[in-house]
């Protein structure tokens, strides 16, 4: 499992950056980014790449 440093929740999440908890199987990451990292709510919002802030 990879630690998700690109998660949009990283500034507010209590476990962000903790290798035992912050990974691609996290519920919040899956919800916002999807299983591929480009889907989920973030992908459905259809926000242009230049405005995403990542």
C-alpha atoms as a PDB file:
ATOM      1  CA  UNK A   1       0.000   0.000   0.000  1.00  0.00           C
ATOM      2  CA  UNK A   2       1.242   3.443  -0.820  1.00  0.00           C
ATOM      3  CA  UNK A   3       1.022   6.438   1.493  1.00  0.00           C
ATOM      4  CA  UNK A   4      -1.253   8.983  -0.131  1.00  0.00           C
ATOM      5  CA  UNK A   5       0.504  12.337  -0.085  1.00  0.00           C
ATOM      6  CA  UNK A   6      -1.758  13.630  -2.837  1.00  0.00           C
ATOM      7  CA  UNK A   7      -5.037  13.140  -0.948  1.00  0.00           C
ATOM      8  CA  UNK A   8      -7.279  16.204  -0.925  1.00  0.00           C
ATOM      9  CA  UNK A   9      -8.010  15.518   2.766  1.00  0.00           C
ATOM     10  CA  UNK A  10      -4.338  15.722   3.792  1.00  0.00           C
ATOM     11  CA  UNK A  11      -4.683  19.175   5.383  1.00  0.00           C
ATOM     12  CA  UNK A  12      -7.603  18.202   7.644  1.00  0.00           C
ATOM     13  CA  UNK A  13      -7.193  14.470   8.242  1.00  0.00           C
ATOM     14  CA  UNK A  14      -5.903  13.331  11.654  1.00  0.00           C
ATOM     15  CA  UNK A  15      -4.078  10.325  10.199  1.00  0.00           C
ATOM     16  CA  UNK A  16      -2.630  11.946   7.068  1.00  0.00           C
ATOM     17  CA  UNK A  17       0.946  10.839   6.505  1.00  0.00           C
ATOM     18  CA  UNK A  18       0.905   8.028   9.111  1.00  0.00           C
ATOM     19  CA  UNK A  19       2.094   4.997   7.155  1.00  0.00           C
ATOM     20  CA  UNK A  20       0.008   2.474   9.112  1.00  0.00           C
ATOM     21  CA  UNK A  21      -3.241   4.326   8.415  1.00  0.00           C
ATOM     22  CA  UNK A  22      -2.845   6.700   5.472  1.00  0.00           C
ATOM     23  CA  UNK A  23      -2.951   4.561   2.334  1.00  0.00           C
ATOM     24  CA  UNK A  24      -4.915   3.920  -0.832  1.00  0.00           C
ATOM     25  CA  UNK A  25      -7.447   1.702   1.000  1.00  0.00           C
ATOM     26  CA  UNK A  26      -8.556   4.572   3.266  1.00  0.00           C
ATOM     27  CA  UNK A  27     -12.324   5.190   3.049  1.00  0.00           C
ATOM     28  CA  UNK A  28     -11.934   8.946   2.621  1.00  0.00           C
ATOM     29  CA  UNK A  29      -9.337   8.544  -0.138  1.00  0.00           C
ATOM     30  CA  UNK A  30     -11.521   6.031  -1.967  1.00  0.00           C
ATOM     31  CA  UNK A  31     -14.590   8.233  -1.665  1.00  0.00           C
ATOM     32  CA  UNK A  32     -12.925  11.376  -3.003  1.00  0.00           C
ATOM     33  CA  UNK A  33     -10.348   9.905  -5.413  1.00  0.00           C
ATOM     34  CA  UNK A  34     -11.751   6.481  -6.353  1.00  0.00           C
ATOM     35  CA  UNK A  35      -9.748   3.280  -6.528  1.00  0.00           C
ATOM     36  CA  UNK A  36      -7.563   4.610  -9.347  1.00  0.00           C
ATOM     37  CA  UNK A  37      -6.851   8.000  -7.779  1.00  0.00           C
ATOM     38  CA  UNK A  38      -8.640   9.906 -10.549  1.00  0.00           C
ATOM     39  CA  UNK A  39     -12.268   8.888 -10.009  1.00  0.00           C
ATOM     40  CA  UNK A  40     -14.610   9.195  -7.058  1.00  0.00           C
ATOM     41  CA  UNK A  41     -16.331  12.468  -6.191  1.00  0.00           C
ATOM     42  CA  UNK A  42     -13.254  14.407  -7.290  1.00  0.00           C
ATOM     43  CA  UNK A  43     -13.404  12.844 -10.748  1.00  0.00           C
ATOM     44  CA  UNK A  44     -17.186  13.217 -11.074  1.00  0.00           C
ATOM     45  CA  UNK A  45     -16.974  16.932 -10.259  1.00  0.00           C
ATOM     46  CA  UNK A  46     -15.235  17.414 -13.642  1.00  0.00           C
ATOM     47  CA  UNK A  47     -12.988  20.170 -12.299  1.00  0.00           C
ATOM     48  CA  UNK A  48     -10.372  21.208 -14.876  1.00  0.00           C
ATOM     49  CA  UNK A  49      -6.843  20.005 -14.102  1.00  0.00           C
ATOM     50  CA  UNK A  50      -5.492  23.544 -13.688  1.00  0.00           C
ATOM     51  CA  UNK A  51      -8.003  24.376 -10.957  1.00  0.00           C
ATOM     52  CA  UNK A  52      -7.624  21.253  -8.807  1.00  0.00           C
ATOM     53  CA  UNK A  53      -4.884  22.643  -6.579  1.00  0.00           C
ATOM     54  CA  UNK A  54      -2.798  19.442  -6.540  1.00  0.00           C
END
